[in-house]
N, C-alpha and C. Protein backbone atom coordinates (compact mmCIF):
# COMPACT_ATOMS: atom_id res chain seq x y z
N MET A 1 0.95 -1.22 0.09
CA MET A 1 -0.14 0.29 0.01
C MET A 1 0.73 1.39 0.12
N THR A 2 0.67 2.22 1.31
CA THR A 2 1.59 3.59 1.32
C THR A 2 1.34 3.69 2.40
N GLU A 3 2.78 4.87 2.50
CA GLU A 3 2.84 5.48 3.83
C GLU A 3 1.85 7.05 3.67
N ARG A 4 1.05 7.14 4.69
CA ARG A 4 0.09 7.80 4.91
C ARG A 4 0.49 9.14 5.43
N ALA A 5 -0.24 9.94 5.14
CA ALA A 5 0.48 11.38 6.01
C ALA A 5 -0.22 11.26 7.68
N ILE A 6 0.60 11.87 8.08
CA ILE A 6 0.06 11.91 9.57
C ILE A 6 -0.78 12.94 9.96
N ARG A 7 -1.99 12.81 10.76
CA ARG A 7 -2.73 14.03 11.01
C ARG A 7 -2.24 14.76 12.53
N LEU A 8 -2.36 16.27 12.33
CA LEU A 8 -1.73 16.57 13.69
C LEU A 8 -2.52 17.13 14.52
N PHE A 9 -1.70 17.32 15.68
CA PHE A 9 -2.62 17.95 16.65
C PHE A 9 -3.85 19.15 16.31
N GLY A 10 -4.98 19.40 16.47
CA GLY A 10 -6.09 20.08 16.71
C GLY A 10 -7.35 19.32 15.23
N ASP A 11 -6.54 18.12 15.06
CA ASP A 11 -7.12 17.43 13.85
C ASP A 11 -8.18 16.48 14.68
N PRO A 12 -9.78 16.79 14.48
CA PRO A 12 -10.60 15.98 15.68
C PRO A 12 -10.27 14.56 15.56
N VAL A 13 -10.12 14.06 14.78
CA VAL A 13 -10.26 12.50 14.36
C VAL A 13 -9.21 12.22 15.46
N LEU A 14 -8.11 12.83 16.10
CA LEU A 14 -7.09 12.46 17.06
C LEU A 14 -7.90 12.47 18.74
N LYS A 15 -9.10 13.23 18.58
CA LYS A 15 -9.65 13.31 19.92
C LYS A 15 -10.84 12.31 20.07
N THR A 16 -11.13 11.66 19.23
CA THR A 16 -12.33 10.87 19.38
C THR A 16 -11.92 9.43 19.43
N VAL A 17 -12.58 8.72 19.98
CA VAL A 17 -12.51 7.38 20.60
C VAL A 17 -12.37 6.38 19.62
N SER A 18 -11.76 5.24 19.14
CA SER A 18 -11.65 4.40 17.84
C SER A 18 -12.72 3.77 17.84
N ASP A 19 -13.57 3.04 17.16
CA ASP A 19 -14.26 2.07 16.66
C ASP A 19 -13.69 0.82 16.86
N PRO A 20 -14.00 -0.31 17.54
CA PRO A 20 -13.47 -1.54 16.95
C PRO A 20 -13.57 -2.26 15.63
N ILE A 21 -12.35 -2.94 15.26
CA ILE A 21 -12.67 -3.32 13.51
C ILE A 21 -13.56 -4.43 13.98
N ARG A 22 -14.91 -4.73 12.79
CA ARG A 22 -15.71 -6.11 13.10
C ARG A 22 -14.80 -6.93 12.19
N GLU A 23 -15.06 -8.32 12.57
CA GLU A 23 -14.21 -9.18 11.79
C GLU A 23 -14.83 -9.22 10.38
N ALA A 24 -14.02 -9.15 9.52
CA ALA A 24 -14.05 -9.32 7.92
C ALA A 24 -14.24 -7.73 7.61
N HIS A 25 -13.58 -7.18 8.34
CA HIS A 25 -13.75 -5.49 8.01
C HIS A 25 -13.04 -5.61 6.70
N PRO A 26 -14.09 -5.05 5.31
CA PRO A 26 -13.74 -4.75 4.22
C PRO A 26 -12.27 -4.19 3.85
N GLY A 27 -12.16 -3.27 4.64
CA GLY A 27 -10.77 -2.25 4.69
C GLY A 27 -9.70 -2.29 5.64
N ALA A 28 -9.82 -3.64 6.19
CA ALA A 28 -8.78 -4.16 7.41
C ALA A 28 -7.44 -4.54 7.09
N ARG A 29 -7.39 -5.06 5.81
CA ARG A 29 -6.26 -5.20 4.93
C ARG A 29 -5.34 -4.36 4.42
N ALA A 30 -6.23 -3.33 3.88
CA ALA A 30 -5.40 -2.49 3.39
C ALA A 30 -4.95 -0.92 4.60
N LEU A 31 -5.81 -1.17 5.89
CA LEU A 31 -5.52 -0.29 6.92
C LEU A 31 -4.05 -0.94 7.70
N VAL A 32 -4.04 -2.16 7.48
CA VAL A 32 -2.98 -2.62 8.47
C VAL A 32 -1.78 -2.37 7.35
N ASP A 33 -1.84 -3.12 5.87
CA ASP A 33 -0.80 -2.04 5.31
C ASP A 33 -0.46 -0.99 4.84
N ASP A 34 -1.07 0.27 5.28
CA ASP A 34 -0.54 1.38 5.35
C ASP A 34 -0.40 1.44 6.75
N LEU A 35 -0.65 0.81 7.73
CA LEU A 35 -0.07 1.49 8.97
C LEU A 35 1.34 0.64 9.24
N LEU A 36 1.56 -0.54 8.59
CA LEU A 36 2.72 -1.23 8.76
C LEU A 36 3.96 -0.25 7.97
N ASP A 37 3.22 0.04 6.72
CA ASP A 37 4.56 1.11 6.02
C ASP A 37 4.60 2.19 6.16
N SER A 38 3.44 2.82 6.88
CA SER A 38 4.08 4.22 7.96
C SER A 38 4.87 4.22 8.80
N VAL A 39 4.89 2.94 9.45
CA VAL A 39 5.57 3.28 10.64
C VAL A 39 7.09 2.74 10.25
N ARG A 40 7.52 2.33 8.99
CA ARG A 40 8.89 1.84 8.74
C ARG A 40 9.48 2.72 8.27
N LEU A 41 9.13 4.22 8.37
CA LEU A 41 9.97 5.54 8.29
C LEU A 41 11.08 5.73 9.46
N PRO A 42 12.18 6.44 8.84
CA PRO A 42 13.16 6.02 10.48
C PRO A 42 12.42 7.27 11.49
N GLY A 43 12.72 6.45 12.40
CA GLY A 43 12.29 7.29 14.06
C GLY A 43 11.03 6.73 14.40
N ARG A 44 10.51 6.52 13.70
CA ARG A 44 8.94 6.05 13.94
C ARG A 44 8.67 4.78 15.09
N ALA A 45 7.69 5.11 16.02
CA ALA A 45 8.07 3.69 17.00
C ALA A 45 6.74 3.18 17.07
N GLY A 46 5.76 3.92 16.42
CA GLY A 46 4.48 3.35 16.54
C GLY A 46 3.15 4.16 15.95
N VAL A 47 2.39 3.78 15.18
CA VAL A 47 1.35 4.74 14.56
C VAL A 47 -0.13 3.96 14.97
N ALA A 48 -0.75 5.18 15.02
CA ALA A 48 -2.45 4.15 15.43
C ALA A 48 -3.09 4.86 14.12
N ALA A 49 -4.27 4.33 13.62
CA ALA A 49 -5.13 4.53 12.58
C ALA A 49 -5.58 5.77 12.84
N CYS A 50 -6.07 6.37 13.88
CA CYS A 50 -6.55 7.66 13.80
C CYS A 50 -5.52 8.35 13.34
N GLN A 51 -4.36 8.22 13.55
CA GLN A 51 -3.39 9.06 13.17
C GLN A 51 -3.17 9.05 11.58
N ILE A 52 -3.32 8.12 10.93
CA ILE A 52 -3.88 8.39 9.67
C ILE A 52 -4.99 8.62 8.77
N GLY A 53 -6.17 8.98 9.94
CA GLY A 53 -7.32 9.67 9.95
C GLY A 53 -8.60 8.19 9.86
N VAL A 54 -7.83 7.25 10.42
CA VAL A 54 -9.00 6.10 10.14
C VAL A 54 -9.43 6.14 11.40
N ASN A 55 -10.85 5.80 11.96
CA ASN A 55 -10.71 5.98 13.39
C ASN A 55 -11.48 4.41 14.06
N LEU A 56 -10.48 3.45 13.70
CA LEU A 56 -10.52 1.92 13.87
C LEU A 56 -9.46 1.76 14.75
N ARG A 57 -9.93 0.88 15.56
CA ARG A 57 -8.73 0.50 16.66
C ARG A 57 -7.71 -0.44 16.12
N ALA A 58 -6.80 -0.20 16.04
CA ALA A 58 -5.48 -0.69 15.08
C ALA A 58 -4.22 0.28 15.36
N PHE A 59 -3.21 -0.63 15.22
CA PHE A 59 -1.63 0.34 15.45
C PHE A 59 -0.72 -0.24 15.03
N SER A 60 0.29 0.16 14.74
CA SER A 60 1.47 -0.73 14.19
C SER A 60 2.70 -0.30 15.11
N TYR A 61 3.82 -0.69 15.45
CA TYR A 61 5.11 -0.61 15.65
C TYR A 61 6.27 -0.87 15.17
N ASN A 62 7.18 -0.37 15.51
CA ASN A 62 8.26 -0.65 15.22
C ASN A 62 9.52 -0.09 15.94
N ILE A 63 10.10 -0.98 16.97
CA ILE A 63 10.68 -1.41 17.96
C ILE A 63 12.09 -1.81 17.97
N ASP A 64 13.29 -1.19 17.56
CA ASP A 64 14.34 -1.86 17.48
C ASP A 64 14.65 -3.12 16.46
N GLY A 65 13.59 -2.39 15.04
CA GLY A 65 13.41 -3.61 14.00
C GLY A 65 12.02 -4.79 14.05
N ASP A 66 11.69 -4.51 15.29
CA ASP A 66 10.60 -5.38 15.26
C ASP A 66 9.17 -4.74 14.77
N VAL A 67 8.88 -4.76 13.56
CA VAL A 67 7.89 -4.36 13.23
C VAL A 67 6.57 -5.26 13.15
N GLY A 68 5.43 -4.76 13.75
CA GLY A 68 4.25 -5.32 13.73
C GLY A 68 2.71 -4.50 13.76
N TYR A 69 1.88 -4.96 14.26
CA TYR A 69 0.58 -4.37 14.40
C TYR A 69 -0.42 -5.56 15.10
N ILE A 70 -1.39 -4.62 15.79
CA ILE A 70 -2.17 -5.21 16.89
C ILE A 70 -3.58 -4.57 16.05
N ILE A 71 -4.48 -5.41 16.17
CA ILE A 71 -6.12 -5.18 15.70
C ILE A 71 -6.82 -5.09 17.24
N ASN A 72 -7.39 -4.03 17.61
CA ASN A 72 -8.49 -4.25 18.80
C ASN A 72 -7.88 -4.34 20.23
N PRO A 73 -6.61 -3.44 20.29
CA PRO A 73 -5.47 -3.93 21.55
C PRO A 73 -6.49 -3.43 22.45
N VAL A 74 -5.97 -4.02 23.69
CA VAL A 74 -6.68 -3.83 25.02
C VAL A 74 -5.25 -3.88 26.14
N LEU A 75 -5.35 -2.75 26.96
CA LEU A 75 -4.16 -2.56 27.71
C LEU A 75 -4.18 -4.09 28.73
N ALA A 76 -3.65 -4.82 28.66
CA ALA A 76 -3.88 -5.95 29.80
C ALA A 76 -3.10 -6.14 30.74
N GLU A 77 -1.78 -5.58 30.96
CA GLU A 77 -1.20 -4.96 32.10
C GLU A 77 -0.18 -4.14 32.08
N VAL A 78 0.12 -3.59 33.18
CA VAL A 78 1.09 -2.33 33.51
C VAL A 78 1.80 -2.87 34.80
N SER A 79 2.85 -2.83 34.71
CA SER A 79 3.87 -3.08 36.02
C SER A 79 5.40 -2.04 36.34
N GLY A 80 5.40 -2.05 37.94
CA GLY A 80 6.47 -1.48 37.69
C GLY A 80 6.33 0.19 38.26
N GLU A 81 6.78 0.84 39.14
CA GLU A 81 6.86 2.21 39.22
C GLU A 81 6.73 2.88 38.09
N PRO A 82 5.46 3.99 37.62
CA PRO A 82 5.57 4.86 36.57
C PRO A 82 6.45 6.00 36.93
N ALA A 83 7.26 6.07 35.80
CA ALA A 83 8.36 6.98 35.81
C ALA A 83 8.41 8.29 34.87
N LEU A 84 9.21 9.33 34.79
CA LEU A 84 8.76 10.20 33.92
C LEU A 84 10.00 9.57 32.79
N VAL A 85 9.48 9.89 31.48
CA VAL A 85 10.00 9.47 30.37
C VAL A 85 9.63 10.70 29.38
N GLU A 86 11.28 11.13 28.41
CA GLU A 86 10.96 11.87 27.16
C GLU A 86 10.26 11.26 26.72
N GLU A 87 8.80 11.90 25.73
CA GLU A 87 7.83 11.43 24.84
C GLU A 87 7.83 12.74 24.14
N GLY A 88 7.79 12.14 22.42
CA GLY A 88 7.28 12.76 20.95
C GLY A 88 6.15 12.49 20.73
N CYS A 89 5.89 12.24 19.46
CA CYS A 89 3.77 12.14 18.93
C CYS A 89 4.36 12.91 17.30
N LEU A 90 4.31 12.04 16.58
CA LEU A 90 4.51 12.47 15.43
C LEU A 90 3.08 13.48 15.32
N SER A 91 2.18 13.32 15.78
CA SER A 91 0.86 14.29 15.57
C SER A 91 1.37 15.46 16.60
N VAL A 92 2.11 15.59 17.37
CA VAL A 92 2.77 17.21 17.71
C VAL A 92 4.55 16.98 17.38
N PRO A 93 4.74 17.16 15.93
CA PRO A 93 6.24 17.21 15.33
C PRO A 93 6.67 18.39 16.28
N GLY A 94 7.86 17.75 16.63
CA GLY A 94 9.19 18.28 17.18
C GLY A 94 9.19 18.62 18.24
N PHE A 95 8.31 17.94 19.07
CA PHE A 95 8.61 18.40 20.76
C PHE A 95 8.53 17.33 21.44
N TYR A 96 9.26 17.57 22.50
CA TYR A 96 9.01 15.99 23.57
C TYR A 96 9.23 16.70 25.07
N PHE A 97 8.74 16.08 25.51
CA PHE A 97 8.27 15.98 26.81
C PHE A 97 8.33 15.23 27.83
N PRO A 98 8.68 15.55 29.16
CA PRO A 98 8.49 14.24 30.38
C PRO A 98 7.02 13.86 30.62
N ARG A 99 6.76 13.09 30.23
CA ARG A 99 5.54 11.98 30.70
C ARG A 99 6.13 10.92 31.21
N SER A 100 4.73 10.75 32.23
CA SER A 100 4.43 9.68 33.31
C SER A 100 4.42 8.25 32.17
N ARG A 101 5.32 7.14 32.70
CA ARG A 101 4.67 5.82 32.04
C ARG A 101 5.07 4.91 32.84
N TYR A 102 4.32 4.01 32.36
CA TYR A 102 4.79 2.45 33.22
C TYR A 102 5.78 1.80 32.55
N PRO A 103 7.13 1.56 33.55
CA PRO A 103 8.23 0.52 32.73
C PRO A 103 7.98 -0.78 31.54
N TYR A 104 6.81 -1.53 32.21
CA TYR A 104 6.15 -2.15 31.25
C TYR A 104 4.82 -2.65 31.10
N ALA A 105 4.57 -3.10 29.99
CA ALA A 105 3.58 -2.76 29.38
C ALA A 105 2.85 -3.70 28.18
N ARG A 106 1.98 -4.42 28.59
CA ARG A 106 1.42 -5.72 27.55
C ARG A 106 0.08 -5.31 27.01
N ALA A 107 -0.27 -5.42 25.92
CA ALA A 107 -1.45 -5.56 24.94
C ALA A 107 -1.97 -6.76 24.62
N THR A 108 -3.21 -7.21 24.22
CA THR A 108 -3.70 -8.34 23.64
C THR A 108 -4.83 -7.57 22.98
N GLY A 109 -4.73 -8.41 21.47
CA GLY A 109 -5.80 -8.14 20.49
C GLY A 109 -5.67 -9.31 19.61
N VAL A 110 -5.60 -8.98 17.93
CA VAL A 110 -5.98 -9.61 17.23
C VAL A 110 -5.50 -9.88 16.34
N ASP A 111 -4.93 -10.53 15.37
CA ASP A 111 -3.99 -10.17 13.81
C ASP A 111 -5.24 -10.41 12.76
N LEU A 112 -5.05 -10.04 11.79
CA LEU A 112 -6.03 -9.46 10.34
C LEU A 112 -6.91 -11.47 10.78
N ASP A 113 -6.10 -12.43 10.81
CA ASP A 113 -7.22 -13.69 10.66
C ASP A 113 -7.86 -13.60 11.90
N GLY A 114 -7.68 -13.35 13.02
CA GLY A 114 -8.67 -13.12 14.08
C GLY A 114 -8.05 -13.69 15.15
N THR A 115 -6.51 -14.14 14.80
CA THR A 115 -5.75 -15.24 15.96
C THR A 115 -5.61 -13.90 16.82
N PRO A 116 -5.29 -14.81 18.27
CA PRO A 116 -4.98 -13.82 19.40
C PRO A 116 -3.86 -13.35 18.89
N VAL A 117 -3.29 -12.05 19.73
CA VAL A 117 -1.56 -11.54 19.57
C VAL A 117 -2.03 -11.45 20.85
N GLU A 118 -0.32 -11.45 21.67
CA GLU A 118 0.00 -10.45 22.71
C GLU A 118 1.26 -9.47 22.19
N ILE A 119 1.27 -8.69 22.55
CA ILE A 119 2.39 -8.07 22.62
C ILE A 119 2.97 -7.06 23.78
N GLY A 120 4.21 -7.11 24.51
CA GLY A 120 4.82 -6.72 25.43
C GLY A 120 6.07 -6.39 25.21
N GLY A 121 6.67 -5.59 26.45
CA GLY A 121 7.93 -5.28 26.97
C GLY A 121 8.01 -4.09 27.67
N GLU A 122 9.33 -3.99 28.17
CA GLU A 122 9.85 -2.58 28.84
C GLU A 122 10.45 -1.56 27.83
N GLY A 123 10.75 -0.81 28.41
CA GLY A 123 11.37 0.71 27.49
C GLY A 123 10.50 1.15 26.48
N LEU A 124 11.02 1.42 25.33
CA LEU A 124 10.40 1.48 24.16
C LEU A 124 8.96 1.04 24.00
N MET A 125 8.98 -0.33 24.13
CA MET A 125 7.92 -0.76 23.53
C MET A 125 7.01 -0.85 24.38
N ALA A 126 6.82 -0.59 25.91
CA ALA A 126 5.86 -0.16 27.00
C ALA A 126 5.26 0.94 26.68
N GLN A 127 6.43 1.98 26.56
CA GLN A 127 5.81 3.41 26.26
C GLN A 127 5.41 3.41 24.89
N ALA A 128 5.70 2.71 23.87
CA ALA A 128 4.80 2.77 22.78
C ALA A 128 3.14 2.05 22.64
N ILE A 129 3.27 1.08 23.47
CA ILE A 129 1.92 0.51 23.98
C ILE A 129 1.12 1.43 24.09
N GLN A 130 1.37 1.85 25.65
CA GLN A 130 0.79 3.16 26.16
C GLN A 130 0.34 4.39 25.39
N HIS A 131 1.10 4.69 24.63
CA HIS A 131 1.29 5.73 23.98
C HIS A 131 -0.05 5.45 22.73
N GLU A 132 0.35 4.46 22.23
CA GLU A 132 -0.64 4.30 21.00
C GLU A 132 -2.01 3.43 21.47
N LEU A 133 -2.29 3.11 22.64
CA LEU A 133 -3.32 2.72 23.31
C LEU A 133 -4.17 4.19 23.73
N ASP A 134 -3.55 5.16 24.31
CA ASP A 134 -3.79 6.57 24.46
C ASP A 134 -4.39 6.85 23.06
N HIS A 135 -3.75 6.88 21.82
CA HIS A 135 -4.40 7.19 20.73
C HIS A 135 -5.71 6.91 20.31
N LEU A 136 -5.95 5.72 20.56
CA LEU A 136 -7.09 4.93 19.96
C LEU A 136 -8.28 5.37 21.34
N ASP A 137 -7.90 5.32 21.93
CA ASP A 137 -8.93 6.23 22.93
C ASP A 137 -9.15 7.47 23.05
N GLY A 138 -8.62 8.39 22.11
CA GLY A 138 -8.97 9.83 22.09
C GLY A 138 -7.78 10.73 22.62
N LYS A 139 -6.87 10.06 23.44
CA LYS A 139 -5.73 11.00 24.01
C LYS A 139 -4.41 11.19 23.09
N LEU A 140 -4.21 12.43 23.34
CA LEU A 140 -2.53 12.51 22.81
C LEU A 140 -1.84 12.62 24.43
N TYR A 141 -0.70 12.29 23.88
CA TYR A 141 0.27 12.31 25.17
C TYR A 141 0.54 13.60 25.67
N ILE A 142 0.40 14.58 25.32
CA ILE A 142 0.36 15.84 26.00
C ILE A 142 -1.19 16.01 26.96
N ASP A 143 -2.05 15.40 26.87
CA ASP A 143 -3.28 15.01 27.72
C ASP A 143 -2.70 14.81 29.53
N GLY A 144 -1.81 13.62 29.03
CA GLY A 144 -1.33 13.29 30.50
C GLY A 144 0.26 13.87 30.98
N LEU A 145 0.16 15.21 30.73
CA LEU A 145 1.38 15.66 31.37
C LEU A 145 0.88 16.61 32.39
N ASP A 146 2.05 16.96 33.38
CA ASP A 146 1.84 17.56 34.87
C ASP A 146 1.25 19.46 34.29
N GLN A 147 0.50 19.87 34.94
CA GLN A 147 -0.14 20.86 34.52
C GLN A 147 1.35 22.35 34.22
N PRO A 148 1.78 22.12 35.09
CA PRO A 148 2.99 22.98 34.62
C PRO A 148 3.97 22.88 33.03
N THR A 149 4.12 21.82 32.81
CA THR A 149 4.55 21.30 31.78
C THR A 149 3.43 21.26 30.49
N LYS A 150 2.27 21.28 30.62
CA LYS A 150 1.36 20.75 29.87
C LYS A 150 1.18 22.87 28.86
N ARG A 151 0.85 23.47 30.51
CA ARG A 151 0.97 24.57 29.79
C ARG A 151 2.05 25.54 28.57
N GLU A 152 3.02 24.65 29.41
CA GLU A 152 4.48 25.46 28.23
C GLU A 152 4.22 24.58 26.99
N ALA A 153 3.73 23.06 27.50
CA ALA A 153 4.02 22.79 25.65
C ALA A 153 2.53 23.28 24.81
N MET A 154 1.89 23.66 25.23
CA MET A 154 0.46 24.17 24.68
C MET A 154 1.18 25.95 24.17
N ARG A 155 1.79 26.23 24.90
CA ARG A 155 2.36 27.38 23.76
C ARG A 155 3.22 27.64 23.29
N LEU A 156 4.20 26.52 23.29
CA LEU A 156 5.13 26.48 22.37
C LEU A 156 4.10 25.54 21.13
N ILE A 157 3.45 24.82 21.11
CA ILE A 157 2.77 24.41 20.42
C ILE A 157 2.03 25.18 19.14
N ARG A 158 1.16 26.30 19.91
CA ARG A 158 0.79 27.23 19.15
C ARG A 158 1.87 28.00 18.60
N GLU A 159 2.92 28.35 18.98
CA GLU A 159 3.71 28.82 18.18
C GLU A 159 4.85 28.28 17.11
N SER A 160 4.47 27.19 16.95
CA SER A 160 4.89 26.18 16.29
C SER A 160 4.66 26.64 14.59
N ASP A 161 5.32 26.31 13.55
CA ASP A 161 5.46 26.91 12.35
C ASP A 161 3.99 25.74 11.76
N TRP A 162 3.42 25.03 12.32
CA TRP A 162 2.89 23.71 11.55
C TRP A 162 1.48 24.10 12.42
N PHE A 163 1.40 24.56 13.34
CA PHE A 163 -0.01 24.67 14.06
C PHE A 163 -0.82 25.58 13.25
């Protein structure tokens, strides 16, 4: 398929809770192909379907060369003491802010054939799972910033060239 343009902060699709993908959805295979093509670009750890303008529950990931996808993901487990990590987002380009995330996360879902899928891990994988699931729930990572950081983030975003 093709790499799709990333929707930017301010686009309503990014603040909308994504719908589950029903079995045998006619566009599911094309959506997954586009998600995989979109996440393979350098510097990308994950792409949620809403980021490419599709309000369905699926995301792709690219962590240390491990590229994959998950449909209808559910956060199954988080563990460890939440810690601040520098986080960015393709939909808020050019900015990184400290965001609290659990050091371990695991999600369950299905693949295109309906076979159960489980992804999980620590570090960047844990961060990506939490980040992409937030997208599917209509949240951006800046929504979870502490108030002083969020005020500064919003000021910088409003002053950015792309906003």
